C-alpha atoms as a PDB file:
ATOM      1  CA  MET A   1     -30.299  13.561  -7.189  1.00  0.00           C
ATOM      2  CA  ARG A   2     -31.763  11.925  -4.108  1.00  0.00           C
ATOM      3  CA  ILE A   3     -29.376  12.458  -1.183  1.00  0.00           C
ATOM      4  CA  LEU A   4     -29.385  11.161   2.378  1.00  0.00           C
ATOM      5  CA  LEU A   5     -27.701  13.433   4.947  1.00  0.00           C
ATOM      6  CA  GLN A   6     -26.126  12.013   8.105  1.00  0.00           C
ATOM      7  CA  PHE A   7     -24.955  14.065  11.080  1.00  0.00           C
ATOM      8  CA  PRO A   8     -23.305  13.204  14.418  1.00  0.00           C
ATOM      9  CA  GLU A   9     -25.143  14.348  17.518  1.00  0.00           C
ATOM     10  CA  GLY A  10     -23.211  17.597  17.869  1.00  0.00           C
ATOM     11  CA  LEU A  11     -24.114  18.715  14.338  1.00  0.00           C
ATOM     12  CA  LYS A  12     -27.726  17.560  14.062  1.00  0.00           C
ATOM     13  CA  GLN A  13     -28.889  21.104  14.793  1.00  0.00           C
ATOM     14  CA  GLU A  14     -27.500  22.082  11.373  1.00  0.00           C
ATOM     15  CA  ALA A  15     -29.319  19.363   9.409  1.00  0.00           C
ATOM     16  CA  LEU A  16     -32.233  21.471   8.130  1.00  0.00           C
ATOM     17  CA  LYS A  17     -29.941  24.261   6.944  1.00  0.00           C
ATOM     18  CA  HIS A  18     -27.858  21.885   4.822  1.00  0.00           C
ATOM     19  CA  ALA A  19     -30.945  20.072   3.543  1.00  0.00           C
ATOM     20  CA  LYS A  20     -32.543  23.295   2.318  1.00  0.00           C
ATOM     21  CA  LYS A  21     -29.327  24.384   0.621  1.00  0.00           C
ATOM     22  CA  LEU A  22     -29.118  21.129  -1.338  1.00  0.00           C
ATOM     23  CA  GLU A  23     -32.822  21.246  -2.172  1.00  0.00           C
ATOM     24  CA  ALA A  24     -32.352  24.737  -3.606  1.00  0.00           C
ATOM     25  CA  GLU A  25     -29.808  23.188  -5.963  1.00  0.00           C
ATOM     26  CA  GLY A  26     -32.471  20.822  -7.286  1.00  0.00           C
ATOM     27  CA  ASN A  27     -31.810  17.758  -5.137  1.00  0.00           C
ATOM     28  CA  GLU A  28     -34.284  15.625  -3.215  1.00  0.00           C
ATOM     29  CA  VAL A  29     -32.965  15.473   0.348  1.00  0.00           C
ATOM     30  CA  ILE A  30     -33.722  13.094   3.211  1.00  0.00           C
ATOM     31  CA  ILE A  31     -32.141  13.388   6.676  1.00  0.00           C
ATOM     32  CA  SER A  32     -31.104  10.383   8.759  1.00  0.00           C
ATOM     33  CA  ALA A  33     -32.384  10.690  12.325  1.00  0.00           C
ATOM     34  CA  SER A  34     -30.388   7.715  13.588  1.00  0.00           C
ATOM     35  CA  PRO A  35     -27.463   8.165  15.969  1.00  0.00           C
ATOM     36  CA  THR A  36     -24.021   7.794  14.446  1.00  0.00           C
ATOM     37  CA  PHE A  37     -20.745   7.044  16.199  1.00  0.00           C
ATOM     38  CA  GLY A  38     -18.438   8.181  13.410  1.00  0.00           C
ATOM     39  CA  ALA A  39     -17.448   7.317   9.867  1.00  0.00           C
ATOM     40  CA  CYS A  40     -17.387   3.669  10.983  1.00  0.00           C
ATOM     41  CA  ASP A  41     -21.175   3.972  11.237  1.00  0.00           C
ATOM     42  CA  LEU A  42     -22.405   5.148   7.848  1.00  0.00           C
ATOM     43  CA  ALA A  43     -26.137   5.052   7.124  1.00  0.00           C
ATOM     44  CA  ILE A  44     -25.647   3.003   3.969  1.00  0.00           C
ATOM     45  CA  ASP A  45     -28.552   0.629   4.611  1.00  0.00           C
ATOM     46  CA  GLU A  46     -30.848   3.618   5.161  1.00  0.00           C
ATOM     47  CA  ALA A  47     -29.567   5.276   1.975  1.00  0.00           C
ATOM     48  CA  LYS A  48     -30.257   2.150  -0.061  1.00  0.00           C
ATOM     49  CA  LYS A  49     -33.674   1.679   1.510  1.00  0.00           C
ATOM     50  CA  VAL A  50     -34.840   5.176   0.548  1.00  0.00           C
ATOM     51  CA  GLY A  51     -33.243   4.951  -2.893  1.00  0.00           C
ATOM     52  CA  ALA A  52     -30.597   7.610  -2.305  1.00  0.00           C
ATOM     53  CA  GLU A  53     -27.861   7.946  -4.890  1.00  0.00           C
ATOM     54  CA  LYS A  54     -25.456   9.560  -2.440  1.00  0.00           C
ATOM     55  CA  LEU A  55     -24.849   9.660   1.309  1.00  0.00           C
ATOM     56  CA  VAL A  56     -23.367  12.903   2.638  1.00  0.00           C
ATOM     57  CA  HIS A  57     -21.709  12.227   5.992  1.00  0.00           C
ATOM     58  CA  PHE A  58     -20.895  15.294   8.073  1.00  0.00           C
ATOM     59  CA  GLY A  59     -18.317  15.708  10.819  1.00  0.00           C
ATOM     60  CA  HIS A  60     -15.773  13.007   9.988  1.00  0.00           C
ATOM     61  CA  ALA A  61     -13.136  12.129   7.411  1.00  0.00           C
ATOM     62  CA  GLU A  62     -13.197   8.874   5.473  1.00  0.00           C
ATOM     63  CA  PHE A  63     -12.719   5.843   7.748  1.00  0.00           C
ATOM     64  CA  HIS A  64     -12.341   3.124   5.146  1.00  0.00           C
ATOM     65  CA  HIS A  65     -13.553   2.450   1.631  1.00  0.00           C
ATOM     66  CA  VAL A  66     -17.162   1.380   1.215  1.00  0.00           C
ATOM     67  CA  ASP A  67     -19.054   0.257  -1.871  1.00  0.00           C
ATOM     68  CA  PHE A  68     -21.394   3.251  -2.007  1.00  0.00           C
ATOM     69  CA  ASN A  69     -21.267   6.876  -3.110  1.00  0.00           C
ATOM     70  CA  VAL A  70     -20.300   8.686   0.095  1.00  0.00           C
ATOM     71  CA  GLU A  71     -19.267  12.319   0.366  1.00  0.00           C
ATOM     72  CA  TYR A  72     -17.450  13.196   3.592  1.00  0.00           C
ATOM     73  CA  VAL A  73     -17.754  16.730   4.964  1.00  0.00           C
ATOM     74  CA  PRO A  74     -15.294  17.069   7.875  1.00  0.00           C
ATOM     75  CA  TYR A  75     -16.129  19.714  10.440  1.00  0.00           C
ATOM     76  CA  THR A  76     -13.261  22.036  11.317  1.00  0.00           C
ATOM     77  CA  ILE A  77     -13.063  24.207  14.415  1.00  0.00           C
ATOM     78  CA  ASP A  78     -10.717  27.175  14.797  1.00  0.00           C
ATOM     79  CA  ALA A  79     -10.141  26.768  18.520  1.00  0.00           C
ATOM     80  CA  SER A  80      -8.389  29.464  20.499  1.00  0.00           C
ATOM     81  CA  LEU A  81      -4.680  28.819  21.088  1.00  0.00           C
ATOM     82  CA  ASP A  82      -4.564  31.054  24.151  1.00  0.00           C
ATOM     83  CA  VAL A  83      -4.358  27.953  26.353  1.00  0.00           C
ATOM     84  CA  LEU A  84      -0.965  26.907  24.958  1.00  0.00           C
ATOM     85  CA  PRO A  85       1.280  29.023  27.252  1.00  0.00           C
ATOM     86  CA  SER A  86      -0.291  27.473  30.362  1.00  0.00           C
ATOM     87  CA  SER A  87       0.639  24.007  29.103  1.00  0.00           C
ATOM     88  CA  LEU A  88       4.362  24.800  29.302  1.00  0.00           C
ATOM     89  CA  ASP A  89       4.355  24.556  33.103  1.00  0.00           C
ATOM     90  CA  GLN A  90       3.126  20.952  32.792  1.00  0.00           C
ATOM     91  CA  LEU A  91       5.953  20.162  30.359  1.00  0.00           C
ATOM     92  CA  LYS A  92       8.907  21.454  32.366  1.00  0.00           C
ATOM     93  CA  GLY A  93      11.881  19.130  31.973  1.00  0.00           C
ATOM     94  CA  LEU A  94      10.172  17.224  29.151  1.00  0.00           C
ATOM     95  CA  GLN A  95      12.001  17.867  25.898  1.00  0.00           C
ATOM     96  CA  THR A  96      10.480  15.705  23.151  1.00  0.00           C
ATOM     97  CA  ILE A  97       6.706  15.579  22.801  1.00  0.00           C
ATOM     98  CA  CYS A  98       4.249  13.769  20.550  1.00  0.00           C
ATOM     99  CA  LEU A  99       1.502  16.176  19.486  1.00  0.00           C
ATOM    100  CA  MET A 100      -1.937  14.913  18.423  1.00  0.00           C
ATOM    101  CA  THR A 101      -5.483  16.112  17.851  1.00  0.00           C
ATOM    102  CA  THR A 102      -8.765  15.237  16.113  1.00  0.00           C
ATOM    103  CA  ILE A 103      -9.747  15.951  12.512  1.00  0.00           C
ATOM    104  CA  GLN A 104     -11.527  19.114  13.712  1.00  0.00           C
ATOM    105  CA  HIS A 105      -8.199  20.739  14.662  1.00  0.00           C
ATOM    106  CA  VAL A 106      -5.704  19.078  12.283  1.00  0.00           C
ATOM    107  CA  HIS A 107      -5.518  22.308  10.281  1.00  0.00           C
ATOM    108  CA  GLN A 108      -4.165  24.040  13.426  1.00  0.00           C
ATOM    109  CA  LEU A 109      -1.413  21.503  14.115  1.00  0.00           C
ATOM    110  CA  GLU A 110       1.317  23.403  12.293  1.00  0.00           C
ATOM    111  CA  GLN A 111       0.649  26.547  14.316  1.00  0.00           C
ATOM    112  CA  ILE A 112       0.591  24.540  17.565  1.00  0.00           C
ATOM    113  CA  ARG A 113       3.784  22.739  16.613  1.00  0.00           C
ATOM    114  CA  ARG A 114       5.499  26.044  15.896  1.00  0.00           C
ATOM    115  CA  PHE A 115       4.530  27.360  19.336  1.00  0.00           C
ATOM    116  CA  TYR A 116       6.129  24.409  21.125  1.00  0.00           C
ATOM    117  CA  GLU A 117       9.240  24.473  18.954  1.00  0.00           C
ATOM    118  CA  GLU A 118       9.679  28.200  19.623  1.00  0.00           C
ATOM    119  CA  ASN A 119       9.559  27.305  23.320  1.00  0.00           C
ATOM    120  CA  GLY A 120      12.370  24.755  23.071  1.00  0.00           C
ATOM    121  CA  LYS A 121      10.417  21.528  22.476  1.00  0.00           C
ATOM    122  CA  LYS A 122      11.107  18.893  19.851  1.00  0.00           C
ATOM    123  CA  VAL A 123       7.754  17.962  18.361  1.00  0.00           C
ATOM    124  CA  LEU A 124       6.794  14.688  16.694  1.00  0.00           C
ATOM    125  CA  LEU A 125       3.442  13.838  15.126  1.00  0.00           C
ATOM    126  CA  ASN A 126       2.028  10.353  15.359  1.00  0.00           C
ATOM    127  CA  ARG A 127       1.676   8.661  11.971  1.00  0.00           C
ATOM    128  CA  PRO A 128      -1.555   6.938  10.940  1.00  0.00           C
ATOM    129  CA  ASN A 129      -1.310   3.187  10.554  1.00  0.00           C
ATOM    130  CA  GLY A 130      -4.986   2.298  10.484  1.00  0.00           C
ATOM    131  CA  PHE A 131      -8.142   4.333   9.996  1.00  0.00           C
ATOM    132  CA  ALA A 132      -6.771   7.827  10.664  1.00  0.00           C
ATOM    133  CA  LYS A 133      -5.626   9.569   7.485  1.00  0.00           C
ATOM    134  CA  VAL A 134      -3.440  12.504   8.545  1.00  0.00           C
ATOM    135  CA  ASN A 135      -0.237  12.801  10.570  1.00  0.00           C
ATOM    136  CA  GLY A 136      -1.100  13.984  14.063  1.00  0.00           C
ATOM    137  CA  GLN A 137      -4.719  12.824  13.848  1.00  0.00           C
ATOM    138  CA  ILE A 138      -6.225  10.368  16.315  1.00  0.00           C
ATOM    139  CA  LEU A 139      -9.608   8.693  16.457  1.00  0.00           C
ATOM    140  CA  GLY A 140     -11.321   7.166  19.438  1.00  0.00           C
ATOM    141  CA  CYS A 141     -10.368   3.779  17.970  1.00  0.00           C
ATOM    142  CA  ASP A 142      -7.099   4.579  16.169  1.00  0.00           C
ATOM    143  CA  ASP A 143      -4.083   6.285  17.704  1.00  0.00           C
ATOM    144  CA  GLY A 144      -1.567   5.625  14.968  1.00  0.00           C
ATOM    145  CA  ASN A 145       1.940   4.650  16.050  1.00  0.00           C
ATOM    146  CA  VAL A 146       1.853   6.113  19.583  1.00  0.00           C
ATOM    147  CA  MET A 147       2.971   2.796  21.088  1.00  0.00           C
ATOM    148  CA  VAL A 148       6.167   2.942  19.017  1.00  0.00           C
ATOM    149  CA  LEU A 149       6.713   6.627  19.815  1.00  0.00           C
ATOM    150  CA  ASP A 150       6.449   5.892  23.533  1.00  0.00           C
ATOM    151  CA  ARG A 151      10.109   4.814  23.407  1.00  0.00           C
ATOM    152  CA  SER A 152      11.359   8.055  21.901  1.00  0.00           C
ATOM    153  CA  VAL A 153       9.308  10.873  23.453  1.00  0.00           C
ATOM    154  CA  ASP A 154       9.176  12.365  26.935  1.00  0.00           C
ATOM    155  CA  ALA A 155       5.471  13.223  26.868  1.00  0.00           C
ATOM    156  CA  PHE A 156       2.281  13.129  24.814  1.00  0.00           C
ATOM    157  CA  VAL A 157       0.198  16.240  24.205  1.00  0.00           C
ATOM    158  CA  TYR A 158      -3.400  16.135  22.996  1.00  0.00           C
ATOM    159  CA  PHE A 159      -4.995  19.378  21.795  1.00  0.00           C
ATOM    160  CA  GLY A 160      -8.789  19.279  21.943  1.00  0.00           C
ATOM    161  CA  GLY A 161     -11.813  18.962  24.162  1.00  0.00           C
ATOM    162  CA  GLY A 162     -12.414  16.203  26.683  1.00  0.00           C
ATOM    163  CA  ILE A 163     -10.681  12.867  27.206  1.00  0.00           C
ATOM    164  CA  PHE A 164     -12.636  10.538  24.923  1.00  0.00           C
ATOM    165  CA  HIS A 165     -10.192  10.747  22.028  1.00  0.00           C
ATOM    166  CA  PRO A 166      -6.875  10.713  23.945  1.00  0.00           C
ATOM    167  CA  LEU A 167      -7.917   7.859  26.259  1.00  0.00           C
ATOM    168  CA  GLY A 168      -7.066   5.179  23.711  1.00  0.00           C
ATOM    169  CA  ALA A 169      -3.587   6.642  23.189  1.00  0.00           C
ATOM    170  CA  LEU A 170      -3.093   7.006  26.940  1.00  0.00           C
ATOM    171  CA  LEU A 171      -3.716   3.295  27.543  1.00  0.00           C
ATOM    172  CA  GLN A 172      -1.087   2.337  24.942  1.00  0.00           C
ATOM    173  CA  THR A 173       1.665   4.528  26.375  1.00  0.00           C
ATOM    174  CA  THR A 174       3.636   5.010  29.591  1.00  0.00           C
ATOM    175  CA  LYS A 175       4.905   8.608  29.434  1.00  0.00           C
ATOM    176  CA  PRO A 176       3.318  11.770  30.912  1.00  0.00           C
ATOM    177  CA  PHE A 177       0.126  12.605  29.015  1.00  0.00           C
ATOM    178  CA  LEU A 178      -1.192  16.161  28.796  1.00  0.00           C
ATOM    179  CA  VAL A 179      -4.605  17.309  27.580  1.00  0.00           C
ATOM    180  CA  VAL A 180      -4.585  20.904  26.318  1.00  0.00           C
ATOM    181  CA  ASP A 181      -8.261  21.822  26.211  1.00  0.00           C
ATOM    182  CA  PRO A 182      -9.017  25.101  24.399  1.00  0.00           C
ATOM    183  CA  PHE A 183     -12.708  24.961  25.335  1.00  0.00           C
ATOM    184  CA  GLN A 184     -12.064  24.773  29.084  1.00  0.00           C
ATOM    185  CA  ASN A 185      -8.963  26.937  28.650  1.00  0.00           C
ATOM    186  CA  ARG A 186      -6.827  24.637  30.786  1.00  0.00           C
ATOM    187  CA  ALA A 187      -4.080  22.050  30.463  1.00  0.00           C
ATOM    188  CA  TYR A 188      -4.082  18.993  32.725  1.00  0.00           C
ATOM    189  CA  ARG A 189      -2.420  15.597  33.051  1.00  0.00           C
ATOM    190  CA  ILE A 190      -4.412  12.364  32.801  1.00  0.00           C
ATOM    191  CA  ASP A 191      -1.618   9.895  33.672  1.00  0.00           C
ATOM    192  CA  GLU A 192      -3.442   8.587  36.745  1.00  0.00           C
ATOM    193  CA  MET A 193      -6.195   7.170  34.530  1.00  0.00           C
ATOM    194  CA  ARG A 194      -3.843   4.451  33.272  1.00  0.00           C
ATOM    195  CA  GLU A 195      -3.728   2.680  36.626  1.00  0.00           C
ATOM    196  CA  ARG A 196      -7.482   3.055  37.095  1.00  0.00           C
ATOM    197  CA  HIS A 197      -8.169   1.372  33.759  1.00  0.00           C
ATOM    198  CA  ARG A 198      -5.509  -1.285  34.368  1.00  0.00           C
ATOM    199  CA  LYS A 199      -7.224  -2.257  37.615  1.00  0.00           C
ATOM    200  CA  ARG A 200     -10.633  -2.260  35.967  1.00  0.00           C
ATOM    201  CA  SER A 201      -9.336  -4.498  33.187  1.00  0.00           C
ATOM    202  CA  ARG A 202      -7.787  -6.884  35.697  1.00  0.00           C
ATOM    203  CA  GLY A 203     -11.027  -6.964  37.637  1.00  0.00           C
ATOM    204  CA  LYS A 204     -13.009  -7.920  34.534  1.00  0.00           C
ATOM    205  CA  ILE A 205     -10.594 -10.730  33.750  1.00  0.00           C
ATOM    206  CA  LEU A 206     -10.752 -12.141  37.265  1.00  0.00           C
ATOM    207  CA  ALA A 207     -14.551 -11.849  37.307  1.00  0.00           C
ATOM    208  CA  SER A 208     -14.760 -13.954  34.149  1.00  0.00           C
ATOM    209  CA  LEU A 209     -12.636 -16.881  35.361  1.00  0.00           C
ATOM    210  CA  LYS A 210     -15.647 -18.953  36.422  1.00  0.00           C
ATOM    211  CA  SER A 211     -17.577 -18.213  33.238  1.00  0.00           C
ATOM    212  CA  LYS A 212     -18.855 -21.177  31.244  1.00  0.00           C
ATOM    213  CA  ASN A 213     -20.853 -19.433  28.519  1.00  0.00           C
ATOM    214  CA  PHE A 214     -19.462 -16.508  26.508  1.00  0.00           C
ATOM    215  CA  GLY A 215     -21.417 -14.182  24.201  1.00  0.00           C
ATOM    216  CA  ILE A 216     -19.283 -12.728  21.417  1.00  0.00           C
ATOM    217  CA  LEU A 217     -20.606  -9.338  20.290  1.00  0.00           C
ATOM    218  CA  VAL A 218     -20.514  -8.508  16.570  1.00  0.00           C
ATOM    219  CA  SER A 219     -21.709  -5.190  15.153  1.00  0.00           C
ATOM    220  CA  THR A 220     -22.961  -4.966  11.575  1.00  0.00           C
ATOM    221  CA  LYS A 221     -21.845  -1.321  11.273  1.00  0.00           C
ATOM    222  CA  ASN A 222     -19.738  -0.850   8.152  1.00  0.00           C
ATOM    223  CA  GLY A 223     -16.510  -0.026   9.985  1.00  0.00           C
ATOM    224  CA  GLN A 224     -16.987  -2.284  13.005  1.00  0.00           C
ATOM    225  CA  TYR A 225     -18.047  -5.625  11.514  1.00  0.00           C
ATOM    226  CA  ASN A 226     -15.446  -8.302  12.316  1.00  0.00           C
ATOM    227  CA  MET A 227     -16.924 -11.769  11.937  1.00  0.00           C
ATOM    228  CA  VAL A 228     -13.473 -13.227  11.252  1.00  0.00           C
ATOM    229  CA  LEU A 229     -12.278 -12.240  14.728  1.00  0.00           C
ATOM    230  CA  ALA A 230     -15.555 -13.396  16.300  1.00  0.00           C
ATOM    231  CA  LYS A 231     -15.205 -16.883  14.774  1.00  0.00           C
ATOM    232  CA  LEU A 232     -11.570 -17.076  15.859  1.00  0.00           C
ATOM    233  CA  LEU A 233     -12.467 -16.184  19.456  1.00  0.00           C
ATOM    234  CA  LYS A 234     -15.373 -18.647  19.451  1.00  0.00           C
ATOM    235  CA  LYS A 235     -12.986 -21.391  18.396  1.00  0.00           C
ATOM    236  CA  LYS A 236     -10.484 -20.445  21.130  1.00  0.00           C
ATOM    237  CA  ILE A 237     -13.211 -20.507  23.778  1.00  0.00           C
ATOM    238  CA  GLU A 238     -14.524 -23.884  22.640  1.00  0.00           C
ATOM    239  CA  GLN A 239     -11.001 -25.308  22.525  1.00  0.00           C
ATOM    240  CA  SER A 240     -10.803 -24.370  26.205  1.00  0.00           C
ATOM    241  CA  GLY A 241     -13.787 -26.614  26.905  1.00  0.00           C
ATOM    242  CA  LEU A 242     -16.216 -23.699  27.296  1.00  0.00           C
ATOM    243  CA  THR A 243     -19.297 -22.596  25.370  1.00  0.00           C
ATOM    244  CA  ALA A 244     -19.591 -19.582  23.074  1.00  0.00           C
ATOM    245  CA  ALA A 245     -22.167 -18.038  20.778  1.00  0.00           C
ATOM    246  CA  ILE A 246     -21.917 -15.121  18.358  1.00  0.00           C
ATOM    247  CA  LEU A 247     -24.415 -12.314  19.022  1.00  0.00           C
ATOM    248  CA  VAL A 248     -25.111  -9.927  16.132  1.00  0.00           C
ATOM    249  CA  SER A 249     -26.596  -6.439  16.311  1.00  0.00           C
ATOM    250  CA  ASN A 250     -26.190  -3.125  14.553  1.00  0.00           C
ATOM    251  CA  THR A 251     -26.239  -0.896  17.626  1.00  0.00           C
ATOM    252  CA  LEU A 252     -25.620  -2.853  20.815  1.00  0.00           C
ATOM    253  CA  ASP A 253     -28.466  -2.484  23.307  1.00  0.00           C
ATOM    254  CA  PHE A 254     -27.073  -3.132  26.777  1.00  0.00           C
ATOM    255  CA  ASP A 255     -30.485  -3.564  28.386  1.00  0.00           C
ATOM    256  CA  SER A 256     -31.226  -6.301  25.881  1.00  0.00           C
ATOM    257  CA  LEU A 257     -27.854  -7.955  26.500  1.00  0.00           C
ATOM    258  CA  ASN A 258     -28.520  -7.900  30.241  1.00  0.00           C
ATOM    259  CA  ASN A 259     -31.623  -9.975  29.536  1.00  0.00           C
ATOM    260  CA  MET A 260     -29.499 -12.762  28.017  1.00  0.00           C
ATOM    261  CA  LEU A 261     -29.042 -14.435  31.371  1.00  0.00           C
ATOM    262  CA  GLU A 262     -27.474 -17.639  30.064  1.00  0.00           C
ATOM    263  CA  PHE A 263     -24.215 -15.836  29.308  1.00  0.00           C
ATOM    264  CA  ASP A 264     -21.651 -15.433  32.084  1.00  0.00           C
ATOM    265  CA  ALA A 265     -19.445 -12.985  30.168  1.00  0.00           C
ATOM    266  CA  PHE A 266     -19.393 -11.057  26.904  1.00  0.00           C
ATOM    267  CA  VAL A 267     -16.547 -10.457  24.449  1.00  0.00           C
ATOM    268  CA  ASN A 268     -16.431  -7.380  22.222  1.00  0.00           C
ATOM    269  CA  THR A 269     -15.337  -7.466  18.567  1.00  0.00           C
ATOM    270  CA  ALA A 270     -17.053  -4.201  17.531  1.00  0.00           C
ATOM    271  CA  CYS A 271     -15.704  -0.721  18.296  1.00  0.00           C
ATOM    272  CA  PRO A 272     -12.758  -1.326  20.662  1.00  0.00           C
ATOM    273  CA  ARG A 273     -13.933   1.504  22.907  1.00  0.00           C
ATOM    274  CA  ILE A 274     -17.014  -0.509  23.941  1.00  0.00           C
ATOM    275  CA  ALA A 275     -14.910  -2.784  26.167  1.00  0.00           C
ATOM    276  CA  ILE A 276     -13.313   0.323  27.708  1.00  0.00           C
ATOM    277  CA  ASP A 277     -16.165   2.802  28.045  1.00  0.00           C
ATOM    278  CA  ASP A 278     -19.269   0.656  28.449  1.00  0.00           C
ATOM    279  CA  THR A 279     -18.236  -2.063  30.887  1.00  0.00           C
ATOM    280  CA  GLU A 280     -20.433  -0.718  33.678  1.00  0.00           C
ATOM    281  CA  ARG A 281     -23.543  -0.933  31.485  1.00  0.00           C
ATOM    282  CA  LEU A 282     -23.503  -4.740  31.654  1.00  0.00           C
ATOM    283  CA  ARG A 283     -24.055  -6.846  34.735  1.00  0.00           C
ATOM    284  CA  LYS A 284     -21.613  -9.452  33.392  1.00  0.00           C
ATOM    285  CA  PRO A 285     -17.934  -8.901  32.480  1.00  0.00           C
ATOM    286  CA  LEU A 286     -17.379  -7.296  29.071  1.00  0.00           C
ATOM    287  CA  LEU A 287     -13.974  -8.303  27.728  1.00  0.00           C
ATOM    288  CA  SER A 288     -11.801  -7.177  24.859  1.00  0.00           C
ATOM    289  CA  ALA A 289     -10.186  -9.851  22.689  1.00  0.00           C
ATOM    290  CA  ASN A 290      -6.903  -9.409  24.579  1.00  0.00           C
ATOM    291  CA  GLU A 291      -8.653  -9.647  27.946  1.00  0.00           C
ATOM    292  CA  LEU A 292     -10.375 -12.837  26.818  1.00  0.00           C
ATOM    293  CA  THR A 293      -7.010 -14.327  25.828  1.00  0.00           C
ATOM    294  CA  GLU A 294      -5.630 -13.542  29.279  1.00  0.00           C
ATOM    295  CA  ALA A 295      -8.724 -14.993  30.966  1.00  0.00           C
ATOM    296  CA  LEU A 296      -8.437 -18.244  28.992  1.00  0.00           C
ATOM    297  CA  ARG A 297      -4.747 -18.470  29.932  1.00  0.00           C
ATOM    298  CA  LEU A 298      -5.567 -18.085  33.632  1.00  0.00           C
ATOM    299  CA  ILE A 299      -8.392 -20.617  33.374  1.00  0.00           C
ATOM    300  CA  ALA A 300      -5.972 -23.146  31.857  1.00  0.00           C
ATOM    301  CA  GLU A 301      -3.418 -22.475  34.609  1.00  0.00           C
ATOM    302  CA  THR A 302      -6.080 -22.943  37.290  1.00  0.00           C
ATOM    303  CA  ARG A 303      -7.077 -26.289  35.843  1.00  0.00           C
ATOM    304  CA  LEU A 304      -3.484 -27.483  35.749  1.00  0.00           C
ATOM    305  CA  ALA A 305      -2.916 -26.420  39.350  1.00  0.00           C
ATOM    306  CA  ALA A 306      -6.020 -28.312  40.437  1.00  0.00           C
ATOM    307  CA  ARG A 307      -4.797 -31.634  39.021  1.00  0.00           C
END
């Protein structure tokens, strides 16, 4: 069988080892050298181009169904739980917590839950309602039902490294938010980031109020393509008496977008994290769909006030 292997950046150093193992089993193996941002970014076009019968995608669980033979090989990490006791100081007076992690640590959730329950906490797991598949799992673009749980918990606890994954959940909630990082062996709150991102979002909206021409970004990646939303937003912009065009790319190149000088602002319909994490890479405002809606509302109000 001809197989294409695909690895995220953190696992690319293991590509040759897996290729040789599959070759020893009688397969013809090709390795994708392209970057990948998750299971929303499968190398299906590459697999078809090289005539592969299967794509083996390492590091992530299934994101959504695709019309190709894909084998997912999630990467699990047995992280040390020695950091857990230090997190209790940050949770004093907070009784009910929502516990979450990434697919790499989902298998450790029961042990982590038991620790907090033995220390007097009531523990809830967020439920998937989109692309995540397992209770307690979050993705950079899917936090399950954390917005609903915000009404019934006292705090949110993320177990894992860094703040990329919990940031999306943080921005949807209002309660204390704790990162328990086993790799740095420390627990720390990230609540203050909410206000920072709220101000940044407001700044982008205000900066776009004089925009006349909007570029709507559409990614052709298998799990990010949303032409339906792009057409809807284009219609809303044009109904406001402004101009819009749909811009299509597989991987968005911000240097190239900066060369499109006719556009006063851009609107993201691809990975929702682009409008959060990559705003400073464009010279013009980069809005989410919700931020665009707010901008169009303010533009309409300004016009009415000027009459």
